Amino acid sequence: MQEFEDFLINNLPKIDTFHPTYQKALHEMLTAGGKRFRPKLLLSIVKAYEPLLVKSAMYPALALELFHTYSLIHDDLPAMDNASFRRGHPTLHTTYDEALAILIGDGLNTHAFELIASAPLRDDVKTKLTLILSRNGGSGGMVLGQAIDLYFENKPLSLQEIIELHTNKTAKLIAASLQMGAVIADAKSITEEKLYDFGIKLGILFQVQDDILDAVQTDTQAGKPTNNDSNKNSFVTLLGTKEAIEYADNLAIEIQKQFGEFEPNIQNALKPLMDKYLNRHKQ
């Protein structure tokens, strides 16, 4: 979605400072690329219901991308996954230092909420968007999932516990992206709830696929270190690659069926993303 890429480049945080590398580091992982999956989900839902609001929705869409990028920067830190590159680019703590990487993550996190607050949307909409992002990305969502993931390294979990881990760490922010789009477009509350539930399943599938790709792709193909989950509670370490693929196949079928129950406008808007990502573990 070129319109979003242009908006991102034109709305990168601009900081007037004599610090020699701060602003460069602040922009680096945002401009390194990425799927932009979460902002695309939000914008697709807005486009399905209220195309005239797509331009205004760019602000919360960018907020999602900033928030997600902050999570990746922190996830790659030596205290967490200690990864050397991400999105085909050296991680910030390897290019600069760990302290600056932590601060850049903090800066992107908080700037995400500044973007929502400054969006040309009604105040009640912005309040709800802030609530959704903070609830799903914060202490009871993504942060909780990361804490569980790290604490239980080398401590095997059950399948249900792994699903709970990744519901928090990955799926809730994906579900929030769809829900935020519905809020901006003023969709019915029942549609908002259905999209959120759909997003949770989609997020779990996304994680299973990431675990599979980690096992079968090279570092160059993935754009990040692979074969790095042997001590983690991934779907592959629990099920094995073959059974994880079968699990992903069955989940994709279930998601496709649920997708078919949405209104035609939602199906049309999300179809390009579904076509691209629903079976990416087979690519």
C-alpha atoms as a PDB file:
ATOM      1  CA  MET A   1       0.000   0.000   0.000  1.00  0.00           C
ATOM      2  CA  GLN A   2       2.112   2.817  -1.368  1.00  0.00           C
ATOM      3  CA  GLU A   3      -0.093   5.510   0.157  1.00  0.00           C
ATOM      4  CA  PHE A   4       0.772   4.250   3.640  1.00  0.00           C
ATOM      5  CA  GLU A   5       4.493   4.026   2.835  1.00  0.00           C
ATOM      6  CA  ASP A   6       4.446   7.634   1.638  1.00  0.00           C
ATOM      7  CA  PHE A   7       2.584   8.707   4.772  1.00  0.00           C
ATOM      8  CA  LEU A   8       5.129   6.897   6.956  1.00  0.00           C
ATOM      9  CA  ILE A   9       8.097   8.578   5.272  1.00  0.00           C
ATOM     10  CA  ASN A  10       6.456  12.011   5.519  1.00  0.00           C
ATOM     11  CA  ASN A  11       5.477  11.570   9.171  1.00  0.00           C
ATOM     12  CA  LEU A  12       8.553  10.055  10.775  1.00  0.00           C
ATOM     13  CA  PRO A  13       9.241  11.617  14.186  1.00  0.00           C
ATOM     14  CA  LYS A  14      11.287  14.782  13.618  1.00  0.00           C
ATOM     15  CA  ILE A  15      13.432  15.668  16.621  1.00  0.00           C
ATOM     16  CA  ASP A  16      15.577  18.792  16.855  1.00  0.00           C
ATOM     17  CA  THR A  17      18.600  17.656  18.848  1.00  0.00           C
ATOM     18  CA  PHE A  18      22.388  17.842  18.862  1.00  0.00           C
ATOM     19  CA  HIS A  19      22.546  14.099  19.607  1.00  0.00           C
ATOM     20  CA  PRO A  20      24.577  12.721  16.669  1.00  0.00           C
ATOM     21  CA  THR A  21      22.614   9.495  16.004  1.00  0.00           C
ATOM     22  CA  TYR A  22      19.301   9.739  17.870  1.00  0.00           C
ATOM     23  CA  GLN A  23      17.010  10.728  14.989  1.00  0.00           C
ATOM     24  CA  LYS A  24      18.721   8.338  12.547  1.00  0.00           C
ATOM     25  CA  ALA A  25      18.231   5.483  15.011  1.00  0.00           C
ATOM     26  CA  LEU A  26      14.629   6.548  15.614  1.00  0.00           C
ATOM     27  CA  HIS A  27      13.855   6.158  11.906  1.00  0.00           C
ATOM     28  CA  GLU A  28      16.087   3.206  11.088  1.00  0.00           C
ATOM     29  CA  MET A  29      13.888   0.197  11.809  1.00  0.00           C
ATOM     30  CA  LEU A  30      10.788   1.941  10.463  1.00  0.00           C
ATOM     31  CA  THR A  31      12.378   2.567   7.066  1.00  0.00           C
ATOM     32  CA  ALA A  32      14.097  -0.854   6.937  1.00  0.00           C
ATOM     33  CA  GLY A  33      10.876  -2.361   5.608  1.00  0.00           C
ATOM     34  CA  GLY A  34       8.437  -4.877   7.046  1.00  0.00           C
ATOM     35  CA  LYS A  35       5.121  -6.437   6.115  1.00  0.00           C
ATOM     36  CA  ARG A  36       3.046  -3.482   7.438  1.00  0.00           C
ATOM     37  CA  PHE A  37       0.458  -6.177   8.192  1.00  0.00           C
ATOM     38  CA  ARG A  38      -1.197  -4.444  11.139  1.00  0.00           C
ATOM     39  CA  PRO A  39      -1.701  -1.016   9.504  1.00  0.00           C
ATOM     40  CA  LYS A  40      -2.944  -2.731   6.347  1.00  0.00           C
ATOM     41  CA  LEU A  41      -5.579  -4.586   8.373  1.00  0.00           C
ATOM     42  CA  LEU A  42      -6.783  -1.344   9.963  1.00  0.00           C
ATOM     43  CA  LEU A  43      -6.864   0.569   6.691  1.00  0.00           C
ATOM     44  CA  SER A  44      -8.635  -2.278   4.871  1.00  0.00           C
ATOM     45  CA  ILE A  45     -11.516  -2.208   7.351  1.00  0.00           C
ATOM     46  CA  VAL A  46     -11.827   1.574   7.125  1.00  0.00           C
ATOM     47  CA  LYS A  47     -11.783   1.362   3.329  1.00  0.00           C
ATOM     48  CA  ALA A  48     -14.537  -1.273   3.442  1.00  0.00           C
ATOM     49  CA  TYR A  49     -16.918   1.000   5.360  1.00  0.00           C
ATOM     50  CA  GLU A  50     -15.788   4.620   5.058  1.00  0.00           C
ATOM     51  CA  PRO A  51     -13.295   5.191   2.210  1.00  0.00           C
ATOM     52  CA  LEU A  52     -13.343   8.935   2.862  1.00  0.00           C
ATOM     53  CA  LEU A  53     -11.818   8.302   6.298  1.00  0.00           C
ATOM     54  CA  VAL A  54      -8.776   6.399   4.994  1.00  0.00           C
ATOM     55  CA  LYS A  55      -6.591   9.524   5.011  1.00  0.00           C
ATOM     56  CA  SER A  56      -7.481  10.287   8.644  1.00  0.00           C
ATOM     57  CA  ALA A  57      -6.978   6.621   9.531  1.00  0.00           C
ATOM     58  CA  MET A  58      -3.339   6.825   8.408  1.00  0.00           C
ATOM     59  CA  TYR A  59      -2.442   8.305  11.804  1.00  0.00           C
ATOM     60  CA  PRO A  60      -3.599   5.361  13.949  1.00  0.00           C
ATOM     61  CA  ALA A  61      -2.323   2.984  11.236  1.00  0.00           C
ATOM     62  CA  LEU A  62       1.128   4.519  11.583  1.00  0.00           C
ATOM     63  CA  ALA A  63       0.736   4.372  15.364  1.00  0.00           C
ATOM     64  CA  LEU A  64       0.297   0.602  15.059  1.00  0.00           C
ATOM     65  CA  GLU A  65       3.432   0.307  12.934  1.00  0.00           C
ATOM     66  CA  LEU A  66       5.453   2.376  15.419  1.00  0.00           C
ATOM     67  CA  PHE A  67       4.149   0.326  18.327  1.00  0.00           C
ATOM     68  CA  HIS A  68       4.913  -2.965  16.563  1.00  0.00           C
ATOM     69  CA  THR A  69       8.401  -1.748  15.609  1.00  0.00           C
ATOM     70  CA  TYR A  70       9.113  -0.774  19.218  1.00  0.00           C
ATOM     71  CA  SER A  71       8.189  -4.324  20.245  1.00  0.00           C
ATOM     72  CA  LEU A  72      10.616  -5.790  17.690  1.00  0.00           C
ATOM     73  CA  ILE A  73      13.458  -3.535  18.826  1.00  0.00           C
ATOM     74  CA  HIS A  74      12.960  -4.638  22.431  1.00  0.00           C
ATOM     75  CA  ASP A  75      12.411  -8.276  21.431  1.00  0.00           C
ATOM     76  CA  ASP A  76      15.840  -8.284  19.749  1.00  0.00           C
ATOM     77  CA  LEU A  77      17.726  -6.887  22.769  1.00  0.00           C
ATOM     78  CA  PRO A  78      20.483  -8.956  24.419  1.00  0.00           C
ATOM     79  CA  ALA A  79      18.296  -9.415  27.503  1.00  0.00           C
ATOM     80  CA  MET A  80      15.578 -10.951  25.335  1.00  0.00           C
ATOM     81  CA  ASP A  81      16.363 -12.727  22.024  1.00  0.00           C
ATOM     82  CA  ASN A  82      19.762 -11.134  21.385  1.00  0.00           C
ATOM     83  CA  ALA A  83      19.186 -10.988  17.629  1.00  0.00           C
ATOM     84  CA  SER A  84      21.759  -9.444  15.306  1.00  0.00           C
ATOM     85  CA  PHE A  85      19.461  -8.342  12.491  1.00  0.00           C
ATOM     86  CA  ARG A  86      15.812  -7.710  11.709  1.00  0.00           C
ATOM     87  CA  ARG A  87      14.030  -6.877   8.438  1.00  0.00           C
ATOM     88  CA  GLY A  88      17.332  -7.648   6.730  1.00  0.00           C
ATOM     89  CA  HIS A  89      18.969  -4.817   8.693  1.00  0.00           C
ATOM     90  CA  PRO A  90      21.342  -4.816  11.696  1.00  0.00           C
ATOM     91  CA  THR A  91      19.440  -4.435  14.952  1.00  0.00           C
ATOM     92  CA  LEU A  92      19.819  -1.130  16.763  1.00  0.00           C
ATOM     93  CA  HIS A  93      21.782  -2.473  19.720  1.00  0.00           C
ATOM     94  CA  THR A  94      24.384  -3.899  17.326  1.00  0.00           C
ATOM     95  CA  THR A  95      24.668  -0.696  15.277  1.00  0.00           C
ATOM     96  CA  TYR A  96      24.651   1.674  18.239  1.00  0.00           C
ATOM     97  CA  ASP A  97      24.362   0.346  21.788  1.00  0.00           C
ATOM     98  CA  GLU A  98      21.830  -1.367  24.006  1.00  0.00           C
ATOM     99  CA  ALA A  99      20.860   1.763  25.939  1.00  0.00           C
ATOM    100  CA  LEU A 100      20.008   3.718  22.798  1.00  0.00           C
ATOM    101  CA  ALA A 101      18.037   0.767  21.407  1.00  0.00           C
ATOM    102  CA  ILE A 102      15.945   0.638  24.585  1.00  0.00           C
ATOM    103  CA  LEU A 103      15.303   4.373  24.420  1.00  0.00           C
ATOM    104  CA  ILE A 104      14.362   4.267  20.737  1.00  0.00           C
ATOM    105  CA  GLY A 105      11.834   1.533  21.520  1.00  0.00           C
ATOM    106  CA  ASP A 106      10.454   3.657  24.353  1.00  0.00           C
ATOM    107  CA  GLY A 107      10.254   6.666  22.050  1.00  0.00           C
ATOM    108  CA  LEU A 108       8.352   4.806  19.320  1.00  0.00           C
ATOM    109  CA  ASN A 109       5.960   3.351  21.895  1.00  0.00           C
ATOM    110  CA  THR A 110       4.976   6.731  23.290  1.00  0.00           C
ATOM    111  CA  HIS A 111       4.996   8.489  19.908  1.00  0.00           C
ATOM    112  CA  ALA A 112       2.362   5.985  18.744  1.00  0.00           C
ATOM    113  CA  PHE A 113      -0.092   7.467  21.235  1.00  0.00           C
ATOM    114  CA  GLU A 114       0.860  11.007  20.203  1.00  0.00           C
ATOM    115  CA  LEU A 115      -0.116  10.070  16.631  1.00  0.00           C
ATOM    116  CA  ILE A 116      -3.512   8.797  17.772  1.00  0.00           C
ATOM    117  CA  ALA A 117      -4.078  11.923  19.867  1.00  0.00           C
ATOM    118  CA  SER A 118      -3.264  14.198  16.911  1.00  0.00           C
ATOM    119  CA  ALA A 119      -5.314  12.275  14.329  1.00  0.00           C
ATOM    120  CA  PRO A 120      -8.119  14.231  12.585  1.00  0.00           C
ATOM    121  CA  LEU A 121     -10.797  12.024  14.168  1.00  0.00           C
ATOM    122  CA  ARG A 122     -13.484  12.590  16.797  1.00  0.00           C
ATOM    123  CA  ASP A 123     -12.264  12.685  20.390  1.00  0.00           C
ATOM    124  CA  ASP A 124     -14.403   9.724  21.442  1.00  0.00           C
ATOM    125  CA  VAL A 125     -12.924   7.652  18.592  1.00  0.00           C
ATOM    126  CA  LYS A 126      -9.369   8.595  19.593  1.00  0.00           C
ATOM    127  CA  THR A 127     -10.106   7.703  23.213  1.00  0.00           C
ATOM    128  CA  LYS A 128     -11.327   4.251  22.206  1.00  0.00           C
ATOM    129  CA  LEU A 129      -8.358   3.696  19.881  1.00  0.00           C
ATOM    130  CA  THR A 130      -5.993   4.563  22.726  1.00  0.00           C
ATOM    131  CA  LEU A 131      -7.797   2.119  25.002  1.00  0.00           C
ATOM    132  CA  ILE A 132      -7.660  -0.705  22.449  1.00  0.00           C
ATOM    133  CA  LEU A 133      -3.973  -0.266  21.653  1.00  0.00           C
ATOM    134  CA  SER A 134      -2.897   0.095  25.280  1.00  0.00           C
ATOM    135  CA  ARG A 135      -5.043  -2.845  26.442  1.00  0.00           C
ATOM    136  CA  ASN A 136      -3.816  -5.229  23.754  1.00  0.00           C
ATOM    137  CA  GLY A 137      -0.230  -4.032  23.564  1.00  0.00           C
ATOM    138  CA  GLY A 138       0.371  -3.401  27.243  1.00  0.00           C
ATOM    139  CA  SER A 139       0.568  -5.222  30.556  1.00  0.00           C
ATOM    140  CA  GLY A 140      -2.362  -7.548  29.850  1.00  0.00           C
ATOM    141  CA  GLY A 141      -1.460  -8.219  26.236  1.00  0.00           C
ATOM    142  CA  MET A 142       1.776  -8.186  24.253  1.00  0.00           C
ATOM    143  CA  VAL A 143       3.990  -7.378  27.256  1.00  0.00           C
ATOM    144  CA  LEU A 144       2.478 -10.255  29.221  1.00  0.00           C
ATOM    145  CA  GLY A 145       3.095 -12.608  26.291  1.00  0.00           C
ATOM    146  CA  GLN A 146       6.721 -11.528  26.075  1.00  0.00           C
ATOM    147  CA  ALA A 147       7.160 -12.064  29.821  1.00  0.00           C
ATOM    148  CA  ILE A 148       5.710 -15.593  29.609  1.00  0.00           C
ATOM    149  CA  ASP A 149       7.867 -16.359  26.566  1.00  0.00           C
ATOM    150  CA  LEU A 150      11.080 -15.345  28.320  1.00  0.00           C
ATOM    151  CA  TYR A 151      10.320 -16.887  31.712  1.00  0.00           C
ATOM    152  CA  PHE A 152       9.489 -20.290  30.257  1.00  0.00           C
ATOM    153  CA  GLU A 153      12.515 -20.645  27.977  1.00  0.00           C
ATOM    154  CA  ASN A 154      13.817 -24.213  28.413  1.00  0.00           C
ATOM    155  CA  LYS A 155      10.620 -25.004  30.364  1.00  0.00           C
ATOM    156  CA  PRO A 156       8.199 -26.826  28.044  1.00  0.00           C
ATOM    157  CA  LEU A 157       4.585 -25.679  28.028  1.00  0.00           C
ATOM    158  CA  SER A 158       1.446 -27.490  26.904  1.00  0.00           C
ATOM    159  CA  LEU A 159      -0.219 -26.640  23.601  1.00  0.00           C
ATOM    160  CA  GLN A 160      -2.941 -24.684  25.396  1.00  0.00           C
ATOM    161  CA  GLU A 161      -0.326 -22.688  27.320  1.00  0.00           C
ATOM    162  CA  ILE A 162       1.568 -21.934  24.099  1.00  0.00           C
ATOM    163  CA  ILE A 163      -1.669 -20.725  22.529  1.00  0.00           C
ATOM    164  CA  GLU A 164      -2.236 -18.444  25.538  1.00  0.00           C
ATOM    165  CA  LEU A 165       1.352 -17.178  25.296  1.00  0.00           C
ATOM    166  CA  HIS A 166       1.028 -16.252  21.640  1.00  0.00           C
ATOM    167  CA  THR A 167      -2.528 -14.962  21.960  1.00  0.00           C
ATOM    168  CA  ASN A 168      -0.994 -12.281  24.134  1.00  0.00           C
ATOM    169  CA  LYS A 169       2.376 -11.817  22.447  1.00  0.00           C
ATOM    170  CA  THR A 170       1.215 -11.781  18.814  1.00  0.00           C
ATOM    171  CA  ALA A 171      -2.505 -12.247  18.258  1.00  0.00           C
ATOM    172  CA  LYS A 172      -3.949  -9.456  20.396  1.00  0.00           C
ATOM    173  CA  LEU A 173      -2.184  -6.684  18.473  1.00  0.00           C
ATOM    174  CA  ILE A 174      -3.364  -8.157  15.166  1.00  0.00           C
ATOM    175  CA  ALA A 175      -6.909  -8.401  16.518  1.00  0.00           C
ATOM    176  CA  ALA A 176      -6.636  -4.837  17.827  1.00  0.00           C
ATOM    177  CA  SER A 177      -5.704  -3.641  14.323  1.00  0.00           C
ATOM    178  CA  LEU A 178      -8.984  -4.950  12.915  1.00  0.00           C
ATOM    179  CA  GLN A 179     -10.970  -3.629  15.866  1.00  0.00           C
ATOM    180  CA  MET A 180      -9.399  -0.180  15.555  1.00  0.00           C
ATOM    181  CA  GLY A 181     -10.392  -0.069  11.895  1.00  0.00           C
ATOM    182  CA  ALA A 182     -13.976  -0.917  12.846  1.00  0.00           C
ATOM    183  CA  VAL A 183     -14.017   1.825  15.492  1.00  0.00           C
ATOM    184  CA  ILE A 184     -12.771   4.457  13.030  1.00  0.00           C
ATOM    185  CA  ALA A 185     -15.376   3.388  10.478  1.00  0.00           C
ATOM    186  CA  ASP A 186     -18.112   3.359  13.145  1.00  0.00           C
ATOM    187  CA  ALA A 187     -19.042  -0.238  12.314  1.00  0.00           C
ATOM    188  CA  LYS A 188     -21.633  -2.018  14.441  1.00  0.00           C
ATOM    189  CA  SER A 189     -20.369  -3.287  17.795  1.00  0.00           C
ATOM    190  CA  ILE A 190     -21.157  -6.865  16.805  1.00  0.00           C
ATOM    191  CA  THR A 191     -18.978  -6.473  13.700  1.00  0.00           C
ATOM    192  CA  GLU A 192     -16.228  -5.010  15.866  1.00  0.00           C
ATOM    193  CA  GLU A 193     -16.382  -8.047  18.172  1.00  0.00           C
ATOM    194  CA  LYS A 194     -16.410 -10.512  15.273  1.00  0.00           C
ATOM    195  CA  LEU A 195     -13.406  -8.829  13.696  1.00  0.00           C
ATOM    196  CA  TYR A 196     -11.518  -8.962  16.988  1.00  0.00           C
ATOM    197  CA  ASP A 197     -12.256 -12.684  17.441  1.00  0.00           C
ATOM    198  CA  PHE A 198     -11.255 -13.308  13.827  1.00  0.00           C
ATOM    199  CA  GLY A 199      -8.045 -11.361  14.438  1.00  0.00           C
ATOM    200  CA  ILE A 200      -7.117 -13.562  17.404  1.00  0.00           C
ATOM    201  CA  LYS A 201      -7.316 -16.690  15.226  1.00  0.00           C
ATOM    202  CA  LEU A 202      -5.464 -14.934  12.421  1.00  0.00           C
ATOM    203  CA  GLY A 203      -2.766 -13.884  14.873  1.00  0.00           C
ATOM    204  CA  ILE A 204      -2.290 -17.436  16.145  1.00  0.00           C
ATOM    205  CA  LEU A 205      -1.976 -18.649  12.552  1.00  0.00           C
ATOM    206  CA  PHE A 206       0.545 -15.874  11.895  1.00  0.00           C
ATOM    207  CA  GLN A 207       2.634 -17.109  14.827  1.00  0.00           C
ATOM    208  CA  VAL A 208       2.456 -20.770  13.809  1.00  0.00           C
ATOM    209  CA  GLN A 209       3.585 -19.724  10.334  1.00  0.00           C
ATOM    210  CA  ASP A 210       6.481 -17.699  11.784  1.00  0.00           C
ATOM    211  CA  ASP A 211       7.554 -20.739  13.811  1.00  0.00           C
ATOM    212  CA  ILE A 212       7.437 -22.939  10.703  1.00  0.00           C
ATOM    213  CA  LEU A 213       9.352 -20.427   8.596  1.00  0.00           C
ATOM    214  CA  ASP A 214      11.929 -20.097  11.377  1.00  0.00           C
ATOM    215  CA  ALA A 215      12.537 -23.831  11.056  1.00  0.00           C
ATOM    216  CA  VAL A 216      12.681 -24.060   7.252  1.00  0.00           C
ATOM    217  CA  GLN A 217      14.023 -20.728   5.969  1.00  0.00           C
ATOM    218  CA  THR A 218      17.539 -19.324   5.906  1.00  0.00           C
ATOM    219  CA  ASP A 219      18.443 -16.077   7.661  1.00  0.00           C
ATOM    220  CA  THR A 220      18.538 -14.296   4.285  1.00  0.00           C
ATOM    221  CA  GLN A 221      15.089 -15.537   3.267  1.00  0.00           C
ATOM    222  CA  ALA A 222      13.540 -14.496   6.578  1.00  0.00           C
ATOM    223  CA  GLY A 223      15.410 -11.207   6.983  1.00  0.00           C
ATOM    224  CA  LYS A 224      16.173 -12.157  10.593  1.00  0.00           C
ATOM    225  CA  PRO A 225      18.009 -14.944  12.432  1.00  0.00           C
ATOM    226  CA  THR A 226      16.317 -18.335  11.987  1.00  0.00           C
ATOM    227  CA  ASN A 227      16.593 -21.729  13.686  1.00  0.00           C
ATOM    228  CA  ASN A 228      16.710 -19.691  16.869  1.00  0.00           C
ATOM    229  CA  ASP A 229      13.717 -21.152  18.734  1.00  0.00           C
ATOM    230  CA  SER A 230      15.091 -24.431  20.070  1.00  0.00           C
ATOM    231  CA  ASN A 231      14.887 -23.191  23.672  1.00  0.00           C
ATOM    232  CA  LYS A 232      11.548 -21.404  23.115  1.00  0.00           C
ATOM    233  CA  ASN A 233       7.970 -22.583  23.404  1.00  0.00           C
ATOM    234  CA  SER A 234       7.115 -22.477  19.710  1.00  0.00           C
ATOM    235  CA  PHE A 235       4.563 -24.581  17.890  1.00  0.00           C
ATOM    236  CA  VAL A 236       7.396 -26.335  16.059  1.00  0.00           C
ATOM    237  CA  THR A 237       9.358 -27.241  19.198  1.00  0.00           C
ATOM    238  CA  LEU A 238       6.201 -28.765  20.697  1.00  0.00           C
ATOM    239  CA  LEU A 239       4.622 -30.386  17.638  1.00  0.00           C
ATOM    240  CA  GLY A 240       7.495 -30.813  15.201  1.00  0.00           C
ATOM    241  CA  THR A 241       7.607 -29.208  11.770  1.00  0.00           C
ATOM    242  CA  LYS A 242       5.278 -31.669  10.025  1.00  0.00           C
ATOM    243  CA  GLU A 243       2.557 -31.515  12.685  1.00  0.00           C
ATOM    244  CA  ALA A 244       2.917 -27.732  12.979  1.00  0.00           C
ATOM    245  CA  ILE A 245       2.228 -27.454   9.230  1.00  0.00           C
ATOM    246  CA  GLU A 246      -0.848 -29.683   9.661  1.00  0.00           C
ATOM    247  CA  TYR A 247      -1.958 -27.480  12.576  1.00  0.00           C
ATOM    248  CA  ALA A 248      -1.519 -24.372  10.400  1.00  0.00           C
ATOM    249  CA  ASP A 249      -3.414 -26.001   7.526  1.00  0.00           C
ATOM    250  CA  ASN A 250      -6.395 -26.810   9.765  1.00  0.00           C
ATOM    251  CA  LEU A 251      -6.378 -23.363  11.337  1.00  0.00           C
ATOM    252  CA  ALA A 252      -6.241 -21.733   7.889  1.00  0.00           C
ATOM    253  CA  ILE A 253      -9.306 -23.747   6.823  1.00  0.00           C
ATOM    254  CA  GLU A 254     -11.158 -22.643   9.966  1.00  0.00           C
ATOM    255  CA  ILE A 255     -10.186 -19.005   9.383  1.00  0.00           C
ATOM    256  CA  GLN A 256     -11.246 -19.162   5.741  1.00  0.00           C
ATOM    257  CA  LYS A 257     -14.656 -20.451   6.801  1.00  0.00           C
ATOM    258  CA  GLN A 258     -15.042 -17.654   9.364  1.00  0.00           C
ATOM    259  CA  PHE A 259     -13.864 -15.130   6.767  1.00  0.00           C
ATOM    260  CA  GLY A 260     -16.656 -16.269   4.448  1.00  0.00           C
ATOM    261  CA  GLU A 261     -19.247 -15.270   7.056  1.00  0.00           C
ATOM    262  CA  PHE A 262     -18.316 -11.579   6.903  1.00  0.00           C
ATOM    263  CA  GLU A 263     -20.192  -9.046   4.811  1.00  0.00           C
ATOM    264  CA  PRO A 264     -19.029  -8.809   1.162  1.00  0.00           C
ATOM    265  CA  ASN A 265     -17.438  -5.398   1.713  1.00  0.00           C
ATOM    266  CA  ILE A 266     -15.148  -6.795   4.441  1.00  0.00           C
ATOM    267  CA  GLN A 267     -14.319  -9.848   2.351  1.00  0.00           C
ATOM    268  CA  ASN A 268     -13.428  -7.684  -0.644  1.00  0.00           C
ATOM    269  CA  ALA A 269     -11.284  -5.348   1.446  1.00  0.00           C
ATOM    270  CA  LEU A 270      -9.347  -8.094   3.246  1.00  0.00           C
ATOM    271  CA  LYS A 271      -9.055 -10.541   0.333  1.00  0.00           C
ATOM    272  CA  PRO A 272      -5.622  -9.315  -0.896  1.00  0.00           C
ATOM    273  CA  LEU A 273      -4.151  -9.814   2.592  1.00  0.00           C
ATOM    274  CA  MET A 274      -5.866 -13.166   3.025  1.00  0.00           C
ATOM    275  CA  ASP A 275      -4.582 -14.359  -0.355  1.00  0.00           C
ATOM    276  CA  LYS A 276      -1.054 -13.306   0.560  1.00  0.00           C
ATOM    277  CA  TYR A 277      -0.808 -14.510   4.151  1.00  0.00           C
ATOM    278  CA  LEU A 278      -3.334 -17.282   4.802  1.00  0.00           C
ATOM    279  CA  ASN A 279      -1.091 -20.021   3.415  1.00  0.00           C
ATOM    280  CA  ARG A 280       2.332 -18.376   3.590  1.00  0.00           C
ATOM    281  CA  HIS A 281       3.677 -21.387   5.551  1.00  0.00           C
ATOM    282  CA  LYS A 282       3.416 -23.330   2.279  1.00  0.00           C
ATOM    283  CA  GLN A 283       5.356 -20.834   0.192  1.00  0.00           C
END
